[in-house]
Structures are given as structure tokens and as C-alpha cells.
Amino acid sequence: MINDKNSIESLMLRLGERLKEARLARNESQELFAQRLGLTRPSYSKMEKGFPQTLIGKWLEASSILGRLDGWQDVLAPKEDLFAKLKRKTSKRQRAGGRRKKKT
């Protein structure tokens, strides 16, 4: 996939919009939410506008505050081969070890 600057900007804008919607659903001001993240209100405002230079750690903190941290576990996870997944699902479970030897 080619690194498309427009796609990245579009994604950042959508993330910012979702962040704003989630904050408003909690009825919190930008000032309060910014304080919780350790940011100034103008810095937080940039985050909601999709400013690409916002640190990933701040996005993770915001997601944690909003109870949406779970979705981040799949970011950059290796893609799983569907055939390997099917094989693993249909194969019989193997025992971890062989027979134990008696102590003499």
C-alpha cells in the first residue's frame, strides 16, 4: 500500500471527530479533558482537529479515559493467515508432553 498523505489526514480527522464526540457524550469541556491528559486546552483542541503531531501516548491515554483502550490491541498486529487459523481450529489438541517416567 502506498503511503497516501490524504488518507492519513482523513483518518486523523475522523479520529479527532470521534474523540470530540466521545468527550461531548461525557459532557466534559475541552479544558477538563485536556487537564486529565496533561495537555493545554489549545494542544487538546489540535488533537480533536486531527493534528498529526499529537503523541500516540496521548491518544492511548484519551482512549483509556474513555474506556476504549481495547481497540488498540489490534493496531499493527500481524495479519493472521485464514488457512492457518482453520487448520488450528480443526486439528485435534495435542498433549503437551509424553508419558512421565517413573523415578527410580
Protein backbone atom coordinates (compact mmCIF):
# COMPACT_ATOMS: atom_id res chain seq x y z
CA MET A 1 0.00 0.00 0.00
CA ILE A 2 1.32 3.41 -0.93
CA ASN A 3 1.67 5.96 1.86
CA ASP A 4 -1.12 8.31 0.87
CA LYS A 5 -0.89 11.59 2.77
CA ASN A 6 -4.57 12.36 2.08
CA SER A 7 -5.64 9.02 3.58
CA ILE A 8 -3.61 9.71 6.71
CA GLU A 9 -5.04 13.20 7.06
CA SER A 10 -8.56 11.86 6.56
CA LEU A 11 -8.02 9.18 9.21
CA MET A 12 -6.64 11.73 11.68
CA LEU A 13 -9.66 13.97 11.10
CA ARG A 14 -12.02 11.06 11.77
CA LEU A 15 -10.14 10.12 14.94
CA GLY A 16 -10.36 13.72 16.14
CA GLU A 17 -14.09 13.84 15.42
CA ARG A 18 -14.64 10.59 17.33
CA LEU A 19 -12.62 11.92 20.25
CA LYS A 20 -14.73 15.08 20.32
CA GLU A 21 -17.99 13.11 20.15
CA ALA A 22 -16.89 10.83 23.00
CA ARG A 23 -15.84 13.81 25.13
CA LEU A 24 -19.14 15.59 24.49
CA ALA A 25 -21.08 12.41 25.30
CA ARG A 26 -19.41 12.57 28.73
CA ASN A 27 -20.39 16.23 28.97
CA GLU A 28 -16.78 17.31 29.60
CA SER A 29 -15.19 20.56 28.49
CA GLN A 30 -12.04 20.65 26.41
CA GLU A 31 -10.32 22.31 29.37
CA LEU A 32 -11.18 19.48 31.77
CA PHE A 33 -10.31 16.70 29.34
CA ALA A 34 -7.04 18.43 28.45
CA GLN A 35 -6.13 18.62 32.14
CA ARG A 36 -6.82 14.91 32.54
CA LEU A 37 -4.40 14.23 29.68
CA GLY A 38 -1.78 16.64 30.96
CA LEU A 39 -2.22 18.92 27.94
CA THR A 40 -3.11 22.56 27.49
CA ARG A 41 -6.54 23.28 26.05
CA PRO A 42 -5.04 24.50 22.73
CA SER A 43 -2.98 21.31 22.42
CA TYR A 44 -6.04 19.20 23.11
CA SER A 45 -8.03 21.22 20.57
CA LYS A 46 -5.41 20.32 17.95
CA MET A 47 -5.88 16.69 18.86
CA GLU A 48 -9.62 16.93 18.16
CA LYS A 49 -8.81 18.61 14.83
CA GLY A 50 -6.65 15.65 13.79
CA PHE A 51 -3.27 17.32 14.23
CA PRO A 52 -0.85 14.53 13.20
CA GLN A 53 1.95 15.54 15.56
CA THR A 54 -0.01 14.56 18.69
CA LEU A 55 1.92 11.91 20.59
CA ILE A 56 0.49 8.39 20.34
CA GLY A 57 0.70 8.15 24.13
CA LYS A 58 -1.87 10.93 24.45
CA TRP A 59 -4.22 9.05 22.12
CA LEU A 60 -3.79 5.96 24.28
CA GLU A 61 -4.42 7.94 27.47
CA ALA A 62 -7.55 9.51 25.98
CA SER A 63 -8.77 6.08 24.88
CA SER A 64 -8.17 4.74 28.37
CA ILE A 65 -10.12 7.60 29.99
CA LEU A 66 -12.98 6.96 27.57
CA GLY A 67 -12.93 3.19 28.19
CA ARG A 68 -11.92 2.44 24.60
CA LEU A 69 -8.40 1.15 25.03
CA ASP A 70 -9.30 -2.40 23.91
CA GLY A 71 -9.35 -1.47 20.22
CA TRP A 72 -5.68 -0.51 20.27
CA GLN A 73 -4.51 -4.09 20.84
CA ASP A 74 -5.04 -4.86 17.16
CA VAL A 75 -3.05 -1.89 15.87
CA LEU A 76 -0.04 -3.20 13.94
CA ALA A 77 -0.85 -6.79 14.94
CA PRO A 78 0.36 -9.32 12.38
CA LYS A 79 -2.30 -10.42 9.96
CA GLU A 80 -3.35 -13.98 10.55
CA ASP A 81 -3.44 -16.45 7.69
CA LEU A 82 -7.02 -17.73 7.43
CA PHE A 83 -5.86 -21.19 6.35
CA ALA A 84 -3.60 -21.48 9.41
CA LYS A 85 -6.49 -20.36 11.60
CA LEU A 86 -8.79 -23.01 10.08
CA LYS A 87 -6.13 -25.72 10.45
CA ARG A 88 -5.61 -24.81 14.10
CA LYS A 89 -9.37 -24.84 14.71
CA THR A 90 -9.98 -28.23 13.06
CA SER A 91 -6.89 -30.09 14.30
CA LYS A 92 -7.12 -32.16 17.43
CA ARG A 93 -5.49 -30.81 20.52
CA GLN A 94 -2.10 -32.31 21.19
CA ARG A 95 -0.92 -33.20 24.65
CA ALA A 96 1.86 -31.05 25.97
CA GLY A 97 4.17 -33.89 26.92
CA GLY A 98 4.71 -37.60 26.65
CA ARG A 99 4.40 -40.18 29.39
CA ARG A 100 6.22 -39.44 32.54
CA LYS A 101 8.99 -41.75 33.53
CA LYS A 102 8.94 -43.27 36.96
CA LYS A 103 11.68 -42.18 39.29
CA THR A 104 13.97 -45.00 40.27
